[in-house]
């Protein structure tokens, strides 16, 4: 496992607030050395930043033109100086209590795509001591993002702390052709079937023995359509095909 840097910067609007000291103490108990930086000050280069700007109020929601310009300069400087940013915010995707926090999630995704800023987000369902432990657990995961470069799997970059559990949205890309090729070929036919009615994720390829054909049929086109009935909570699979039938 790739070791992580043990020196980080705490960024907050007001360094005298209690949560700044509590979070700093939690990270220090995990072996981190802490630099504290007030909003508007220049952060040390080459080390990751834990941004606490959302803990007072949703930062981006009420931002004015001057603050936006300052925030843009901060992001560009962080990218130039090699600073990753772990942004601590309120819950927006799970147990949302204030939808204004959701604005930053979209903002962060755009920044990562267009500016390639190393920006991760951690949503907390509460701003209290029990949630600060989640920051200490997520921070080393965020710092290991560089070890995933060149890998087929992208690093985790979003987390949510909900009901004392850390959640991570993650997608794994799979080639259907490759997955089907890896299946053991035993000469049996397969058809798409539903394992449990009403559960789309239960779709699977079921082996079956088709009836003995009476003629030769060459398939030119086949389609499979899945319809979900939200009232009866059932799934219906319809297969259609066209081709050429030849009778001996």
Protein backbone atom coordinates (compact mmCIF):
# COMPACT_ATOMS: atom_id res chain seq x y z
CA UNK A 1 0.00 0.00 0.00
CA UNK A 2 1.34 3.42 -0.98
CA UNK A 3 2.31 5.50 2.08
CA UNK A 4 0.59 8.86 2.49
CA UNK A 5 2.06 12.23 3.33
CA UNK A 6 1.59 12.99 6.99
CA UNK A 7 1.53 16.77 6.76
CA UNK A 8 -1.67 18.54 5.71
CA UNK A 9 -3.25 21.99 5.85
CA UNK A 10 -6.50 22.80 7.64
CA UNK A 11 -8.30 25.61 5.79
CA UNK A 12 -11.13 27.46 7.55
CA UNK A 13 -12.78 30.86 7.61
CA UNK A 14 -12.13 31.27 11.33
CA UNK A 15 -9.32 29.26 12.91
CA UNK A 16 -10.56 30.07 16.42
CA UNK A 17 -13.75 27.99 16.07
CA UNK A 18 -13.99 24.81 18.15
CA UNK A 19 -14.34 22.40 15.24
CA UNK A 20 -10.99 23.52 13.80
CA UNK A 21 -9.22 22.44 16.98
CA UNK A 22 -11.24 19.22 17.26
CA UNK A 23 -10.51 18.15 13.68
CA UNK A 24 -6.85 19.08 14.05
CA UNK A 25 -6.60 16.97 17.21
CA UNK A 26 -8.29 14.03 15.50
CA UNK A 27 -5.84 14.14 12.59
CA UNK A 28 -2.88 14.58 14.92
CA UNK A 29 -3.97 11.45 16.80
CA UNK A 30 -3.60 9.63 13.47
CA UNK A 31 -0.01 10.85 13.11
CA UNK A 32 -0.60 13.92 10.93
CA UNK A 33 1.26 17.19 11.31
CA UNK A 34 -1.06 20.15 10.87
CA UNK A 35 -0.62 23.58 9.31
CA UNK A 36 -3.58 25.93 9.82
CA UNK A 37 -4.54 28.45 7.19
CA UNK A 38 -7.32 31.06 7.29
CA UNK A 39 -9.35 31.68 4.15
CA UNK A 40 -7.56 34.25 2.01
CA UNK A 41 -4.08 33.26 3.21
CA UNK A 42 -1.62 31.39 1.00
CA UNK A 43 -1.57 27.68 1.76
CA UNK A 44 1.77 25.79 1.86
CA UNK A 45 2.66 24.16 -1.44
CA UNK A 46 2.99 20.44 -1.97
CA UNK A 47 0.63 19.20 0.72
CA UNK A 48 -3.05 18.35 0.74
CA UNK A 49 -5.69 20.70 2.12
CA UNK A 50 -8.68 19.78 4.29
CA UNK A 51 -11.15 22.56 3.49
CA UNK A 52 -13.71 23.35 6.20
CA UNK A 53 -15.33 26.32 4.45
CA UNK A 54 -18.76 24.65 4.32
CA UNK A 55 -19.00 23.99 8.04
CA UNK A 56 -20.37 27.45 8.84
CA UNK A 57 -22.76 27.67 5.87
CA UNK A 58 -22.87 26.40 2.27
CA UNK A 59 -19.92 28.31 0.80
CA UNK A 60 -20.73 28.28 -2.91
CA UNK A 61 -24.46 28.99 -2.54
CA UNK A 62 -24.00 32.52 -1.22
CA UNK A 63 -20.75 33.39 -2.98
CA UNK A 64 -20.50 36.87 -4.54
CA UNK A 65 -18.36 38.04 -7.45
CA UNK A 66 -15.37 39.00 -5.32
CA UNK A 67 -15.45 35.72 -3.39
CA UNK A 68 -15.80 33.77 -6.63
CA UNK A 69 -12.70 35.46 -8.03
CA UNK A 70 -10.83 34.68 -4.81
CA UNK A 71 -12.02 31.07 -4.92
CA UNK A 72 -10.93 30.70 -8.54
CA UNK A 73 -7.45 31.99 -7.66
CA UNK A 74 -7.31 29.51 -4.77
CA UNK A 75 -8.16 26.56 -7.06
CA UNK A 76 -5.65 27.54 -9.74
CA UNK A 77 -2.92 28.09 -7.14
CA UNK A 78 -3.69 24.71 -5.54
CA UNK A 79 -3.35 22.96 -8.89
CA UNK A 80 -0.08 24.77 -9.67
CA UNK A 81 1.36 24.03 -6.21
CA UNK A 82 0.39 20.36 -6.22
CA UNK A 83 -2.20 20.67 -3.46
CA UNK A 84 -5.03 18.18 -3.36
CA UNK A 85 -8.21 19.46 -1.70
CA UNK A 86 -10.52 17.34 0.44
CA UNK A 87 -13.67 19.45 0.77
CA UNK A 88 -15.79 18.75 3.85
CA UNK A 89 -19.46 19.52 3.29
CA UNK A 90 -22.97 18.64 4.47
CA UNK A 91 -25.06 15.70 3.32
CA UNK A 92 -26.66 16.18 -0.08
CA UNK A 93 -26.96 12.70 -1.61
CA UNK A 94 -27.99 10.81 1.55
CA UNK A 95 -30.20 12.11 4.37
CA UNK A 96 -30.09 15.61 2.90
CA UNK A 97 -30.99 18.27 5.46
CA UNK A 98 -29.96 21.30 3.37
CA UNK A 99 -30.04 21.02 -0.45
CA UNK A 100 -27.73 24.02 -0.78
CA UNK A 101 -24.79 21.74 -0.06
CA UNK A 102 -25.54 19.84 -3.27
CA UNK A 103 -24.38 22.77 -5.40
CA UNK A 104 -20.75 22.13 -4.55
CA UNK A 105 -20.89 18.48 -5.63
CA UNK A 106 -21.78 19.49 -9.19
CA UNK A 107 -19.24 22.30 -9.01
CA UNK A 108 -16.51 19.87 -7.90
CA UNK A 109 -17.28 17.41 -10.70
CA UNK A 110 -17.00 20.18 -13.26
CA UNK A 111 -13.71 21.39 -11.78
CA UNK A 112 -12.22 17.91 -11.89
CA UNK A 113 -13.24 17.46 -15.51
CA UNK A 114 -12.39 20.88 -16.93
CA UNK A 115 -9.48 22.03 -14.76
CA UNK A 116 -8.15 18.63 -13.59
CA UNK A 117 -8.10 19.86 -10.00
CA UNK A 118 -7.40 17.17 -7.38
CA UNK A 119 -10.61 17.83 -5.49
CA UNK A 120 -12.41 15.25 -3.35
CA UNK A 121 -15.59 15.67 -1.32
CA UNK A 122 -16.69 14.20 1.98
CA UNK A 123 -20.33 14.72 2.98
CA UNK A 124 -21.13 14.60 6.70
CA UNK A 125 -24.64 14.05 8.04
CA UNK A 126 -23.67 15.89 11.21
CA UNK A 127 -21.04 18.40 12.21
CA UNK A 128 -19.86 17.01 15.54
CA UNK A 129 -16.98 15.09 17.10
CA UNK A 130 -18.18 11.65 15.97
CA UNK A 131 -18.06 12.80 12.34
CA UNK A 132 -14.50 14.15 12.59
CA UNK A 133 -13.25 10.55 12.82
CA UNK A 134 -14.59 10.00 9.29
CA UNK A 135 -12.29 12.76 8.04
CA UNK A 136 -9.29 10.93 9.49
CA UNK A 137 -10.39 7.69 7.78
CA UNK A 138 -11.13 9.23 4.37
CA UNK A 139 -8.08 11.51 4.15
CA UNK A 140 -5.51 8.70 3.59
CA UNK A 141 -7.79 7.20 0.92
CA UNK A 142 -7.90 10.55 -0.83
CA UNK A 143 -4.13 10.87 -0.60
CA UNK A 144 -3.63 7.51 -2.33
CA UNK A 145 -5.35 8.77 -5.51
CA UNK A 146 -1.98 9.02 -7.30
CA UNK A 147 -1.38 5.27 -6.90
CA UNK A 148 -4.42 4.61 -9.13
CA UNK A 149 -2.96 6.51 -12.09
CA UNK A 150 -2.61 4.23 -15.10
CA UNK A 151 -5.08 1.77 -13.58
CA UNK A 152 -8.30 0.80 -15.34
CA UNK A 153 -10.16 1.74 -12.16
CA UNK A 154 -10.43 5.40 -11.30
CA UNK A 155 -9.64 6.39 -7.70
CA UNK A 156 -12.43 7.09 -5.25
CA UNK A 157 -12.97 10.83 -5.04
CA UNK A 158 -16.38 11.21 -3.32
CA UNK A 159 -17.43 9.93 0.10
CA UNK A 160 -20.42 10.35 2.38
CA UNK A 161 -20.58 9.72 6.12
CA UNK A 162 -24.14 8.62 6.92
CA UNK A 163 -25.39 6.95 10.09
CA UNK A 164 -21.81 6.31 11.26
CA UNK A 165 -20.91 4.58 8.00
CA UNK A 166 -18.66 5.77 5.17
CA UNK A 167 -20.23 5.32 1.74
CA UNK A 168 -18.51 5.54 -1.64
CA UNK A 169 -20.18 5.76 -5.07
CA UNK A 170 -18.23 3.51 -7.42
CA UNK A 171 -18.69 2.20 -10.94
CA UNK A 172 -16.80 -0.68 -12.54
CA UNK A 173 -16.80 -0.70 -16.33
CA UNK A 174 -17.28 -4.15 -17.85
CA UNK A 175 -17.26 -5.33 -21.43
CA UNK A 176 -20.34 -7.49 -22.01
CA UNK A 177 -18.61 -9.33 -24.84
CA UNK A 178 -15.63 -10.20 -22.66
CA UNK A 179 -17.85 -11.24 -19.76
CA UNK A 180 -19.86 -13.57 -21.97
CA UNK A 181 -16.70 -14.99 -23.54
CA UNK A 182 -15.37 -15.90 -20.10
CA UNK A 183 -18.44 -18.01 -19.36
CA UNK A 184 -17.81 -21.72 -19.67
CA UNK A 185 -19.09 -22.96 -22.99
CA UNK A 186 -20.99 -26.20 -22.47
CA UNK A 187 -23.07 -26.18 -25.64
CA UNK A 188 -26.24 -25.04 -23.86
CA UNK A 189 -28.31 -22.09 -24.99
CA UNK A 190 -28.86 -19.08 -22.74
CA UNK A 191 -31.69 -16.64 -22.37
CA UNK A 192 -32.14 -13.48 -20.33
CA UNK A 193 -34.28 -14.14 -17.28
CA UNK A 194 -35.37 -12.40 -14.07
CA UNK A 195 -34.18 -13.90 -10.80
CA UNK A 196 -36.66 -11.96 -8.66
CA UNK A 197 -39.72 -10.21 -9.98
CA UNK A 198 -39.59 -6.47 -9.66
CA UNK A 199 -35.80 -6.34 -9.16
CA UNK A 200 -34.00 -5.11 -12.25
CA UNK A 201 -30.60 -6.03 -10.81
CA UNK A 202 -31.62 -9.69 -10.70
CA UNK A 203 -31.43 -10.09 -14.50
CA UNK A 204 -29.13 -12.96 -15.46
CA UNK A 205 -28.35 -15.35 -18.34
CA UNK A 206 -30.21 -18.60 -17.72
CA UNK A 207 -29.15 -21.84 -19.37
CA UNK A 208 -31.91 -23.85 -21.01
CA UNK A 209 -32.41 -26.56 -23.61
CA UNK A 210 -34.43 -25.30 -26.58
CA UNK A 211 -36.91 -27.55 -28.33
CA UNK A 212 -35.65 -29.52 -31.30
CA UNK A 213 -35.89 -27.30 -34.40
CA UNK A 214 -38.09 -28.47 -37.27
CA UNK A 215 -36.13 -26.49 -39.86
CA UNK A 216 -33.09 -24.26 -40.32
CA UNK A 217 -33.40 -20.67 -39.16
CA UNK A 218 -30.80 -18.01 -39.80
CA UNK A 219 -31.22 -15.01 -37.48
CA UNK A 220 -30.48 -11.62 -38.98
CA UNK A 221 -31.76 -9.44 -36.16
CA UNK A 222 -32.75 -9.92 -32.52
CA UNK A 223 -33.90 -7.47 -29.85
CA UNK A 224 -34.58 -7.82 -26.15
CA UNK A 225 -36.81 -5.27 -24.42
CA UNK A 226 -37.30 -5.02 -20.65
CA UNK A 227 -40.37 -3.18 -19.41
CA UNK A 228 -40.79 -2.22 -15.76
CA UNK A 229 -44.31 -1.82 -14.38
CA UNK A 230 -43.97 0.60 -11.47
CA UNK A 231 -47.53 -0.10 -10.31
CA UNK A 232 -47.34 -3.89 -10.02
CA UNK A 233 -43.55 -3.77 -9.45
CA UNK A 234 -42.92 -6.44 -12.08
CA UNK A 235 -40.62 -6.81 -15.06
CA UNK A 236 -41.59 -8.09 -18.48
CA UNK A 237 -39.06 -9.32 -21.02
CA UNK A 238 -40.01 -9.34 -24.70
CA UNK A 239 -37.87 -10.87 -27.41
CA UNK A 240 -38.30 -10.18 -31.11
CA UNK A 241 -36.28 -11.51 -34.02
CA UNK A 242 -36.28 -11.72 -37.75
CA UNK A 243 -34.43 -13.98 -40.18
CA UNK A 244 -34.80 -16.64 -42.83
CA UNK A 245 -36.47 -19.99 -42.21
CA UNK A 246 -35.66 -22.94 -44.48
CA UNK A 247 -37.65 -26.17 -44.35
CA UNK A 248 -36.02 -29.40 -45.40
